All heavy atoms as atom14 arrays in JSON, in Angstrom:
{
  "sequence": "RPTDDIFTDGLSLHTFAKTALLQDHVMEIVDPTLPLHIRPEDDNNIRA",
  "atom14_mask": [
    [1, 1, 1, 1, 1, 1, 1, 1, 1, 1, 1, 0, 0, 0],
    [1, 1, 1, 1, 1, 1, 1, 0, 0, 0, 0, 0, 0, 0],
    [1, 1, 1, 1, 1, 1, 1, 0, 0, 0, 0, 0, 0, 0],
    [1, 1, 1, 1, 1, 1, 1, 1, 0, 0, 0, 0, 0, 0],
    [1, 1, 1, 1, 1, 1, 1, 1, 0, 0, 0, 0, 0, 0],
    [1, 1, 1, 1, 1, 1, 1, 1, 0, 0, 0, 0, 0, 0],
    [1, 1, 1, 1, 1, 1, 1, 1, 1, 1, 1, 0, 0, 0],
    [1, 1, 1, 1, 1, 1, 1, 0, 0, 0, 0, 0, 0, 0],
    [1, 1, 1, 1, 1, 1, 1, 1, 0, 0, 0, 0, 0, 0],
    [1, 1, 1, 1, 0, 0, 0, 0, 0, 0, 0, 0, 0, 0],
    [1, 1, 1, 1, 1, 1, 1, 1, 0, 0, 0, 0, 0, 0],
    [1, 1, 1, 1, 1, 1, 0, 0, 0, 0, 0, 0, 0, 0],
    [1, 1, 1, 1, 1, 1, 1, 1, 0, 0, 0, 0, 0, 0],
    [1, 1, 1, 1, 1, 1, 1, 1, 1, 1, 0, 0, 0, 0],
    [1, 1, 1, 1, 1, 1, 1, 0, 0, 0, 0, 0, 0, 0],
    [1, 1, 1, 1, 1, 1, 1, 1, 1, 1, 1, 0, 0, 0],
    [1, 1, 1, 1, 1, 0, 0, 0, 0, 0, 0, 0, 0, 0],
    [1, 1, 1, 1, 1, 1, 1, 1, 1, 0, 0, 0, 0, 0],
    [1, 1, 1, 1, 1, 1, 1, 0, 0, 0, 0, 0, 0, 0],
    [1, 1, 1, 1, 1, 0, 0, 0, 0, 0, 0, 0, 0, 0],
    [1, 1, 1, 1, 1, 1, 1, 1, 0, 0, 0, 0, 0, 0],
    [1, 1, 1, 1, 1, 1, 1, 1, 0, 0, 0, 0, 0, 0],
    [1, 1, 1, 1, 1, 1, 1, 1, 1, 0, 0, 0, 0, 0],
    [1, 1, 1, 1, 1, 1, 1, 1, 0, 0, 0, 0, 0, 0],
    [1, 1, 1, 1, 1, 1, 1, 1, 1, 1, 0, 0, 0, 0],
    [1, 1, 1, 1, 1, 1, 1, 0, 0, 0, 0, 0, 0, 0],
    [1, 1, 1, 1, 1, 1, 1, 1, 0, 0, 0, 0, 0, 0],
    [1, 1, 1, 1, 1, 1, 1, 1, 1, 0, 0, 0, 0, 0],
    [1, 1, 1, 1, 1, 1, 1, 1, 0, 0, 0, 0, 0, 0],
    [1, 1, 1, 1, 1, 1, 1, 0, 0, 0, 0, 0, 0, 0],
    [1, 1, 1, 1, 1, 1, 1, 1, 0, 0, 0, 0, 0, 0],
    [1, 1, 1, 1, 1, 1, 1, 0, 0, 0, 0, 0, 0, 0],
    [1, 1, 1, 1, 1, 1, 1, 0, 0, 0, 0, 0, 0, 0],
    [1, 1, 1, 1, 1, 1, 1, 1, 0, 0, 0, 0, 0, 0],
    [1, 1, 1, 1, 1, 1, 1, 0, 0, 0, 0, 0, 0, 0],
    [1, 1, 1, 1, 1, 1, 1, 1, 0, 0, 0, 0, 0, 0],
    [1, 1, 1, 1, 1, 1, 1, 1, 1, 1, 0, 0, 0, 0],
    [1, 1, 1, 1, 1, 1, 1, 1, 0, 0, 0, 0, 0, 0],
    [1, 1, 1, 1, 1, 1, 1, 1, 1, 1, 1, 0, 0, 0],
    [1, 1, 1, 1, 1, 1, 1, 0, 0, 0, 0, 0, 0, 0],
    [1, 1, 1, 1, 1, 1, 1, 1, 1, 0, 0, 0, 0, 0],
    [1, 1, 1, 1, 1, 1, 1, 1, 0, 0, 0, 0, 0, 0],
    [1, 1, 1, 1, 1, 1, 1, 1, 0, 0, 0, 0, 0, 0],
    [1, 1, 1, 1, 1, 1, 1, 1, 0, 0, 0, 0, 0, 0],
    [1, 1, 1, 1, 1, 1, 1, 1, 0, 0, 0, 0, 0, 0],
    [1, 1, 1, 1, 1, 1, 1, 1, 0, 0, 0, 0, 0, 0],
    [1, 1, 1, 1, 1, 1, 1, 1, 1, 1, 1, 0, 0, 0],
    [1, 1, 1, 1, 1, 0, 0, 0, 0, 0, 0, 0, 0, 0]
  ],
  "atom14_positions": [
    [[1.34, 6.8, 21.57], [0.68, 8.05, 21.95], [0.42, 8.9, 20.7], [1.16, 8.8, 19.72], [1.57, 8.86, 22.89], [1.82, 8.24, 24.26], [2.59, 9.25, 25.1], [2.82, 8.79, 26.48], [3.91, 8.17, 26.89], [4.9, 7.93, 26.02], [4.05, 7.81, 28.14], [0.0, 0.0, 0.0], [0.0, 0.0, 0.0], [0.0, 0.0, 0.0]],
    [[-0.59, 9.77, 20.75], [-0.82, 10.66, 19.6], [0.31, 11.67, 19.41], [0.42, 12.29, 18.36], [-2.15, 11.35, 19.95], [-2.25, 11.24, 21.43], [-1.62, 9.93, 21.79], [0.0, 0.0, 0.0], [0.0, 0.0, 0.0], [0.0, 0.0, 0.0], [0.0, 0.0, 0.0], [0.0, 0.0, 0.0], [0.0, 0.0, 0.0], [0.0, 0.0, 0.0]],
    [[1.14, 11.82, 20.45], [2.27, 12.76, 20.38], [3.58, 12.05, 20.06], [4.66, 12.65, 20.19], [2.41, 13.51, 21.73], [2.51, 12.54, 22.79], [1.22, 14.41, 21.98], [0.0, 0.0, 0.0], [0.0, 0.0, 0.0], [0.0, 0.0, 0.0], [0.0, 0.0, 0.0], [0.0, 0.0, 0.0], [0.0, 0.0, 0.0], [0.0, 0.0, 0.0]],
    [[3.52, 10.8, 19.64], [4.73, 10.03, 19.31], [5.54, 10.75, 18.24], [4.98, 11.42, 17.35], [4.31, 8.64, 18.81], [5.48, 7.68, 18.73], [6.32, 7.84, 17.83], [5.55, 6.76, 19.57], [0.0, 0.0, 0.0], [0.0, 0.0, 0.0], [0.0, 0.0, 0.0], [0.0, 0.0, 0.0], [0.0, 0.0, 0.0], [0.0, 0.0, 0.0]],
    [[6.84, 10.61, 18.3], [7.74, 11.3, 17.36], [7.51, 10.93, 15.89], [7.87, 11.69, 14.99], [9.21, 10.99, 17.7], [9.64, 11.66, 19.0], [8.96, 12.61, 19.42], [10.65, 11.22, 19.59], [0.0, 0.0, 0.0], [0.0, 0.0, 0.0], [0.0, 0.0, 0.0], [0.0, 0.0, 0.0], [0.0, 0.0, 0.0], [0.0, 0.0, 0.0]],
    [[6.9, 9.75, 15.65], [6.7, 9.33, 14.25], [5.59, 10.13, 13.58], [5.49, 10.14, 12.35], [6.4, 7.82, 14.13], [5.0, 7.49, 14.67], [7.47, 6.98, 14.8], [4.52, 6.11, 14.29], [0.0, 0.0, 0.0], [0.0, 0.0, 0.0], [0.0, 0.0, 0.0], [0.0, 0.0, 0.0], [0.0, 0.0, 0.0], [0.0, 0.0, 0.0]],
    [[4.77, 10.8, 14.39], [3.63, 11.52, 13.81], [4.02, 12.94, 13.42], [3.8, 13.91, 14.17], [2.44, 11.49, 14.76], [1.96, 10.09, 15.07], [1.78, 9.66, 16.37], [1.72, 9.2, 14.03], [1.35, 8.37, 16.64], [1.29, 7.91, 14.3], [1.12, 7.49, 15.6], [0.0, 0.0, 0.0], [0.0, 0.0, 0.0], [0.0, 0.0, 0.0]],
    [[4.62, 13.04, 12.23], [5.02, 14.34, 11.67], [4.59, 14.39, 10.21], [4.17, 13.38, 9.64], [6.55, 14.52, 11.75], [7.19, 13.44, 11.05], [7.02, 14.54, 13.2], [0.0, 0.0, 0.0], [0.0, 0.0, 0.0], [0.0, 0.0, 0.0], [0.0, 0.0, 0.0], [0.0, 0.0, 0.0], [0.0, 0.0, 0.0], [0.0, 0.0, 0.0]],
    [[4.71, 15.56, 9.62], [4.42, 15.74, 8.18], [3.04, 15.22, 7.79], [2.88, 14.52, 6.78], [5.49, 15.05, 7.33], [6.89, 15.59, 7.59], [7.0, 16.82, 7.81], [7.85, 14.8, 7.59], [0.0, 0.0, 0.0], [0.0, 0.0, 0.0], [0.0, 0.0, 0.0], [0.0, 0.0, 0.0], [0.0, 0.0, 0.0], [0.0, 0.0, 0.0]],
    [[2.05, 15.54, 8.61], [0.68, 15.17, 8.26], [0.25, 13.81, 8.77], [-0.95, 13.48, 8.73], [0.0, 0.0, 0.0], [0.0, 0.0, 0.0], [0.0, 0.0, 0.0], [0.0, 0.0, 0.0], [0.0, 0.0, 0.0], [0.0, 0.0, 0.0], [0.0, 0.0, 0.0], [0.0, 0.0, 0.0], [0.0, 0.0, 0.0], [0.0, 0.0, 0.0]],
    [[1.19, 12.99, 9.23], [0.82, 11.68, 9.77], [0.37, 11.86, 11.22], [1.01, 12.55, 12.0], [2.01, 10.72, 9.72], [1.76, 9.3, 10.26], [0.73, 8.58, 9.39], [3.05, 8.5, 10.34], [0.0, 0.0, 0.0], [0.0, 0.0, 0.0], [0.0, 0.0, 0.0], [0.0, 0.0, 0.0], [0.0, 0.0, 0.0], [0.0, 0.0, 0.0]],
    [[-0.77, 11.25, 11.55], [-1.3, 11.3, 12.91], [-1.7, 9.9, 13.34], [-1.68, 8.96, 12.52], [-2.53, 12.22, 12.96], [-3.59, 11.66, 12.19], [0.0, 0.0, 0.0], [0.0, 0.0, 0.0], [0.0, 0.0, 0.0], [0.0, 0.0, 0.0], [0.0, 0.0, 0.0], [0.0, 0.0, 0.0], [0.0, 0.0, 0.0], [0.0, 0.0, 0.0]],
    [[-2.06, 9.73, 14.58], [-2.51, 8.42, 15.05], [-3.76, 7.99, 14.3], [-3.94, 6.81, 13.97], [-2.77, 8.47, 16.56], [-2.98, 7.13, 17.29], [-1.85, 6.17, 17.03], [-3.14, 7.38, 18.79], [0.0, 0.0, 0.0], [0.0, 0.0, 0.0], [0.0, 0.0, 0.0], [0.0, 0.0, 0.0], [0.0, 0.0, 0.0], [0.0, 0.0, 0.0]],
    [[-4.61, 8.95, 13.98], [-5.84, 8.67, 13.21], [-5.49, 8.15, 11.82], [-6.0, 7.11, 11.39], [-6.68, 9.96, 13.11], [-7.8, 9.88, 12.14], [-9.05, 9.39, 12.47], [-7.87, 10.21, 10.81], [-9.84, 9.43, 11.4], [-9.15, 9.92, 10.39], [0.0, 0.0, 0.0], [0.0, 0.0, 0.0], [0.0, 0.0, 0.0], [0.0, 0.0, 0.0]],
    [[-4.62, 8.87, 11.09], [-4.28, 8.45, 9.73], [-3.43, 7.18, 9.73], [-3.48, 6.39, 8.8], [-3.53, 9.57, 8.98], [-2.37, 9.96, 9.74], [-4.43, 10.78, 8.78], [0.0, 0.0, 0.0], [0.0, 0.0, 0.0], [0.0, 0.0, 0.0], [0.0, 0.0, 0.0], [0.0, 0.0, 0.0], [0.0, 0.0, 0.0], [0.0, 0.0, 0.0]],
    [[-2.67, 6.97, 10.79], [-1.86, 5.76, 10.97], [-2.77, 4.53, 10.97], [-2.52, 3.55, 10.26], [-1.12, 5.88, 12.31], [-0.2, 4.74, 12.65], [0.93, 4.47, 11.89], [-0.46, 3.95, 13.77], [1.79, 3.43, 12.24], [0.39, 2.92, 14.12], [1.51, 2.66, 13.36], [0.0, 0.0, 0.0], [0.0, 0.0, 0.0], [0.0, 0.0, 0.0]],
    [[-3.86, 4.6, 11.75], [-4.8, 3.49, 11.81], [-5.63, 3.38, 10.53], [-5.87, 2.28, 10.02], [-5.73, 3.67, 13.01], [0.0, 0.0, 0.0], [0.0, 0.0, 0.0], [0.0, 0.0, 0.0], [0.0, 0.0, 0.0], [0.0, 0.0, 0.0], [0.0, 0.0, 0.0], [0.0, 0.0, 0.0], [0.0, 0.0, 0.0], [0.0, 0.0, 0.0]],
    [[-6.03, 4.52, 10.0], [-6.85, 4.52, 8.79], [-6.09, 3.9, 7.61], [-6.65, 3.09, 6.85], [-7.27, 5.96, 8.45], [-8.2, 6.06, 7.25], [-8.63, 7.51, 7.04], [-9.57, 7.62, 5.84], [-10.0, 9.03, 5.63], [0.0, 0.0, 0.0], [0.0, 0.0, 0.0], [0.0, 0.0, 0.0], [0.0, 0.0, 0.0], [0.0, 0.0, 0.0]],
    [[-4.83, 4.25, 7.46], [-4.01, 3.7, 6.37], [-3.82, 2.2, 6.52], [-3.9, 1.45, 5.54], [-2.63, 4.38, 6.35], [-2.81, 5.8, 6.17], [-1.77, 3.84, 5.21], [0.0, 0.0, 0.0], [0.0, 0.0, 0.0], [0.0, 0.0, 0.0], [0.0, 0.0, 0.0], [0.0, 0.0, 0.0], [0.0, 0.0, 0.0], [0.0, 0.0, 0.0]],
    [[-3.59, 1.73, 7.75], [-3.42, 0.3, 8.0], [-4.69, -0.47, 7.63], [-4.62, -1.57, 7.07], [-3.07, 0.07, 9.46], [0.0, 0.0, 0.0], [0.0, 0.0, 0.0], [0.0, 0.0, 0.0], [0.0, 0.0, 0.0], [0.0, 0.0, 0.0], [0.0, 0.0, 0.0], [0.0, 0.0, 0.0], [0.0, 0.0, 0.0], [0.0, 0.0, 0.0]],
    [[-5.84, 0.11, 7.91], [-7.11, -0.53, 7.56], [-7.27, -0.61, 6.04], [-7.65, -1.65, 5.5], [-8.28, 0.25, 8.17], [-8.51, 0.09, 9.68], [-9.47, 1.16, 10.19], [-9.07, -1.31, 9.98], [0.0, 0.0, 0.0], [0.0, 0.0, 0.0], [0.0, 0.0, 0.0], [0.0, 0.0, 0.0], [0.0, 0.0, 0.0], [0.0, 0.0, 0.0]],
    [[-6.98, 0.49, 5.36], [-7.14, 0.53, 3.91], [-6.18, -0.45, 3.2], [-6.53, -1.03, 2.18], [-6.89, 1.95, 3.39], [-7.94, 3.0, 3.77], [-7.49, 4.39, 3.36], [-9.29, 2.66, 3.11], [0.0, 0.0, 0.0], [0.0, 0.0, 0.0], [0.0, 0.0, 0.0], [0.0, 0.0, 0.0], [0.0, 0.0, 0.0], [0.0, 0.0, 0.0]],
    [[-4.99, -0.63, 3.77], [-3.99, -1.5, 3.15], [-4.01, -2.92, 3.71], [-3.16, -3.74, 3.35], [-2.6, -0.88, 3.34], [-2.44, 0.47, 2.65], [-1.07, 1.1, 2.88], [-0.26, 0.59, 3.65], [-0.81, 2.2, 2.18], [0.0, 0.0, 0.0], [0.0, 0.0, 0.0], [0.0, 0.0, 0.0], [0.0, 0.0, 0.0], [0.0, 0.0, 0.0]],
    [[-4.97, -3.18, 4.6], [-5.1, -4.51, 5.21], [-3.83, -4.91, 5.96], [-3.38, -6.05, 5.88], [-5.45, -5.55, 4.15], [-6.06, -6.82, 4.75], [-6.56, -6.75, 5.88], [-6.01, -7.87, 4.1], [0.0, 0.0, 0.0], [0.0, 0.0, 0.0], [0.0, 0.0, 0.0], [0.0, 0.0, 0.0], [0.0, 0.0, 0.0], [0.0, 0.0, 0.0]],
    [[-3.26, -3.94, 6.69], [-2.04, -4.18, 7.45], [-2.29, -4.0, 8.95], [-1.42, -3.51, 9.68], [-0.94, -3.21, 7.01], [-0.42, -3.48, 5.65], [0.37, -2.58, 4.95], [-0.56, -4.56, 4.83], [0.67, -3.09, 3.77], [0.12, -4.29, 3.68], [0.0, 0.0, 0.0], [0.0, 0.0, 0.0], [0.0, 0.0, 0.0], [0.0, 0.0, 0.0]],
    [[-3.46, -4.39, 9.4], [-3.86, -4.16, 10.78], [-2.86, -4.72, 11.79], [-2.45, -4.04, 12.74], [-5.26, -4.75, 11.05], [-5.55, -4.82, 12.55], [-6.33, -3.9, 10.36], [0.0, 0.0, 0.0], [0.0, 0.0, 0.0], [0.0, 0.0, 0.0], [0.0, 0.0, 0.0], [0.0, 0.0, 0.0], [0.0, 0.0, 0.0], [0.0, 0.0, 0.0]],
    [[-2.41, -5.95, 11.59], [-1.53, -6.59, 12.57], [-0.17, -5.91, 12.65], [0.55, -6.05, 13.64], [-1.35, -8.07, 12.26], [-2.63, -8.89, 12.36], [-3.49, -8.72, 13.96], [-2.36, -9.6, 15.04], [0.0, 0.0, 0.0], [0.0, 0.0, 0.0], [0.0, 0.0, 0.0], [0.0, 0.0, 0.0], [0.0, 0.0, 0.0], [0.0, 0.0, 0.0]],
    [[0.18, -5.13, 11.63], [1.48, -4.46, 11.62], [1.52, -3.24, 12.55], [2.6, -2.77, 12.9], [1.86, -4.04, 10.2], [2.09, -5.22, 9.27], [2.46, -4.79, 7.86], [2.83, -3.6, 7.69], [2.35, -5.61, 6.94], [0.0, 0.0, 0.0], [0.0, 0.0, 0.0], [0.0, 0.0, 0.0], [0.0, 0.0, 0.0], [0.0, 0.0, 0.0]],
    [[0.35, -2.72, 12.93], [0.33, -1.54, 13.8], [-0.04, -1.89, 15.24], [-0.09, -1.01, 16.09], [-0.62, -0.45, 13.26], [-2.08, -0.91, 13.33], [-0.23, -0.02, 11.87], [-3.08, 0.22, 13.11], [0.0, 0.0, 0.0], [0.0, 0.0, 0.0], [0.0, 0.0, 0.0], [0.0, 0.0, 0.0], [0.0, 0.0, 0.0], [0.0, 0.0, 0.0]],
    [[-0.3, -3.16, 15.51], [-0.68, -3.58, 16.85], [0.51, -3.44, 17.81], [1.66, -3.67, 17.45], [-1.17, -5.04, 16.83], [-1.42, -5.56, 18.25], [-2.45, -5.15, 16.01], [0.0, 0.0, 0.0], [0.0, 0.0, 0.0], [0.0, 0.0, 0.0], [0.0, 0.0, 0.0], [0.0, 0.0, 0.0], [0.0, 0.0, 0.0], [0.0, 0.0, 0.0]],
    [[0.22, -3.04, 19.04], [1.23, -2.9, 20.09], [2.07, -4.18, 20.15], [1.54, -5.27, 20.37], [0.52, -2.68, 21.43], [1.48, -2.42, 22.58], [2.7, -2.63, 22.4], [1.01, -2.02, 23.66], [0.0, 0.0, 0.0], [0.0, 0.0, 0.0], [0.0, 0.0, 0.0], [0.0, 0.0, 0.0], [0.0, 0.0, 0.0], [0.0, 0.0, 0.0]],
    [[3.38, -4.09, 19.95], [4.23, -5.29, 19.95], [4.25, -6.01, 21.29], [4.63, -7.18, 21.35], [5.62, -4.75, 19.59], [5.56, -3.29, 19.87], [4.15, -2.87, 19.64], [0.0, 0.0, 0.0], [0.0, 0.0, 0.0], [0.0, 0.0, 0.0], [0.0, 0.0, 0.0], [0.0, 0.0, 0.0], [0.0, 0.0, 0.0], [0.0, 0.0, 0.0]],
    [[3.82, -5.34, 22.37], [3.79, -6.01, 23.68], [2.5, -6.8, 23.89], [2.39, -7.54, 24.87], [3.94, -5.01, 24.84], [2.74, -4.24, 24.98], [5.13, -4.09, 24.64], [0.0, 0.0, 0.0], [0.0, 0.0, 0.0], [0.0, 0.0, 0.0], [0.0, 0.0, 0.0], [0.0, 0.0, 0.0], [0.0, 0.0, 0.0], [0.0, 0.0, 0.0]],
    [[1.53, -6.63, 22.99], [0.25, -7.34, 23.14], [0.46, -8.84, 22.96], [0.89, -9.29, 21.9], [-0.76, -6.83, 22.1], [-2.13, -7.51, 22.09], [-2.88, -7.23, 23.38], [-2.96, -7.04, 20.9], [0.0, 0.0, 0.0], [0.0, 0.0, 0.0], [0.0, 0.0, 0.0], [0.0, 0.0, 0.0], [0.0, 0.0, 0.0], [0.0, 0.0, 0.0]],
    [[0.18, -9.64, 24.01], [0.36, -11.09, 23.9], [-0.57, -11.67, 22.82], [-1.77, -11.42, 22.82], [-0.05, -11.61, 25.29], [0.04, -10.43, 26.18], [-0.31, -9.24, 25.33], [0.0, 0.0, 0.0], [0.0, 0.0, 0.0], [0.0, 0.0, 0.0], [0.0, 0.0, 0.0], [0.0, 0.0, 0.0], [0.0, 0.0, 0.0], [0.0, 0.0, 0.0]],
    [[0.01, -12.42, 21.88], [-0.77, -13.06, 20.83], [-0.97, -14.54, 21.15], [-0.37, -15.08, 22.06], [-0.06, -12.9, 19.48], [0.16, -11.45, 19.03], [0.91, -11.41, 17.71], [-1.17, -10.72, 18.9], [0.0, 0.0, 0.0], [0.0, 0.0, 0.0], [0.0, 0.0, 0.0], [0.0, 0.0, 0.0], [0.0, 0.0, 0.0], [0.0, 0.0, 0.0]],
    [[-1.81, -15.17, 20.37], [-2.17, -16.56, 20.67], [-1.14, -17.56, 20.18], [-1.01, -18.64, 20.73], [-3.53, -16.9, 20.07], [-4.65, -16.19, 20.76], [-5.16, -16.58, 21.96], [-5.33, -15.07, 20.42], [-6.13, -15.76, 22.34], [-6.25, -14.84, 21.43], [0.0, 0.0, 0.0], [0.0, 0.0, 0.0], [0.0, 0.0, 0.0], [0.0, 0.0, 0.0]],
    [[-0.41, -17.22, 19.13], [0.57, -18.15, 18.6], [1.88, -18.0, 19.37], [2.4, -16.9, 19.51], [0.81, -17.91, 17.1], [-0.47, -18.15, 16.33], [1.92, -18.82, 16.58], [-0.36, -17.89, 14.86], [0.0, 0.0, 0.0], [0.0, 0.0, 0.0], [0.0, 0.0, 0.0], [0.0, 0.0, 0.0], [0.0, 0.0, 0.0], [0.0, 0.0, 0.0]],
    [[2.4, -19.1, 19.86], [3.63, -19.09, 20.63], [4.65, -20.03, 19.98], [4.27, -21.05, 19.41], [3.35, -19.54, 22.07], [2.4, -18.62, 22.82], [1.95, -19.24, 24.11], [1.18, -20.46, 23.86], [0.61, -21.19, 24.83], [0.75, -20.83, 26.08], [-0.06, -22.28, 24.52], [0.0, 0.0, 0.0], [0.0, 0.0, 0.0], [0.0, 0.0, 0.0]],
    [[5.93, -19.74, 20.09], [6.97, -20.57, 19.46], [6.93, -22.01, 19.92], [7.24, -22.92, 19.16], [8.28, -19.88, 19.91], [7.88, -18.48, 20.2], [6.49, -18.54, 20.74], [0.0, 0.0, 0.0], [0.0, 0.0, 0.0], [0.0, 0.0, 0.0], [0.0, 0.0, 0.0], [0.0, 0.0, 0.0], [0.0, 0.0, 0.0], [0.0, 0.0, 0.0]],
    [[6.53, -22.25, 21.18], [6.54, -23.62, 21.69], [5.35, -24.46, 21.21], [5.28, -25.65, 21.52], [6.56, -23.59, 23.23], [5.35, -22.95, 23.88], [5.54, -21.46, 24.15], [6.32, -20.84, 23.4], [4.92, -20.94, 25.08], [0.0, 0.0, 0.0], [0.0, 0.0, 0.0], [0.0, 0.0, 0.0], [0.0, 0.0, 0.0], [0.0, 0.0, 0.0]],
    [[4.43, -23.84, 20.48], [3.28, -24.6, 19.97], [3.67, -25.43, 18.76], [3.41, -25.04, 17.62], [2.12, -23.64, 19.61], [1.45, -23.07, 20.84], [1.46, -23.75, 21.89], [0.93, -21.96, 20.76], [0.0, 0.0, 0.0], [0.0, 0.0, 0.0], [0.0, 0.0, 0.0], [0.0, 0.0, 0.0], [0.0, 0.0, 0.0], [0.0, 0.0, 0.0]],
    [[4.27, -26.59, 18.98], [4.7, -27.41, 17.86], [3.72, -28.54, 17.56], [3.85, -29.24, 16.57], [6.11, -27.98, 18.1], [6.19, -28.72, 19.44], [5.16, -28.79, 20.14], [7.28, -29.2, 19.76], [0.0, 0.0, 0.0], [0.0, 0.0, 0.0], [0.0, 0.0, 0.0], [0.0, 0.0, 0.0], [0.0, 0.0, 0.0], [0.0, 0.0, 0.0]],
    [[2.75, -28.72, 18.45], [1.72, -29.72, 18.18], [0.82, -29.21, 17.05], [0.31, -28.09, 17.11], [0.9, -29.97, 19.45], [-0.21, -30.98, 19.23], [-1.22, -30.66, 18.63], [0.0, -32.19, 19.72], [0.0, 0.0, 0.0], [0.0, 0.0, 0.0], [0.0, 0.0, 0.0], [0.0, 0.0, 0.0], [0.0, 0.0, 0.0], [0.0, 0.0, 0.0]],
    [[0.64, -30.02, 16.01], [-0.09, -29.56, 14.82], [-1.5, -29.08, 15.13], [-1.95, -28.03, 14.66], [-0.15, -30.67, 13.77], [1.2, -30.9, 13.12], [2.04, -30.01, 13.13], [1.41, -32.09, 12.59], [0.0, 0.0, 0.0], [0.0, 0.0, 0.0], [0.0, 0.0, 0.0], [0.0, 0.0, 0.0], [0.0, 0.0, 0.0], [0.0, 0.0, 0.0]],
    [[-2.22, -29.85, 15.93], [-3.61, -29.49, 16.23], [-3.66, -28.21, 17.05], [-4.44, -27.29, 16.77], [-4.31, -30.64, 16.99], [-4.4, -31.88, 16.11], [-5.71, -30.2, 17.43], [-4.98, -33.08, 16.8], [0.0, 0.0, 0.0], [0.0, 0.0, 0.0], [0.0, 0.0, 0.0], [0.0, 0.0, 0.0], [0.0, 0.0, 0.0], [0.0, 0.0, 0.0]],
    [[-2.79, -28.14, 18.05], [-2.75, -26.96, 18.91], [-2.36, -25.72, 18.11], [-2.93, -24.64, 18.28], [-1.72, -27.2, 20.02], [-1.81, -26.24, 21.17], [-0.88, -26.73, 22.26], [-0.76, -25.77, 23.32], [0.11, -25.88, 24.3], [0.95, -26.9, 24.32], [0.17, -24.98, 25.25], [0.0, 0.0, 0.0], [0.0, 0.0, 0.0], [0.0, 0.0, 0.0]],
    [[-1.41, -25.86, 17.23], [-0.98, -24.74, 16.39], [-2.1, -24.29, 15.47], [-2.27, -23.1, 15.23], [0.25, -25.14, 15.58], [0.0, 0.0, 0.0], [0.0, 0.0, 0.0], [0.0, 0.0, 0.0], [0.0, 0.0, 0.0], [0.0, 0.0, 0.0], [0.0, 0.0, 0.0], [0.0, 0.0, 0.0], [0.0, 0.0, 0.0], [0.0, 0.0, 0.0]]
  ]
}
């Protein structure tokens, strides 16, 4: 949320995303609950 406790001292949701883009850290700010395509059980080389 834009009102999250981490957004203090000039940091906002806008600058949070902007900084991640500038530093090429996009995946680090993605919602951790967002299902990704890579799964631990994908041990088949082609599938992985």
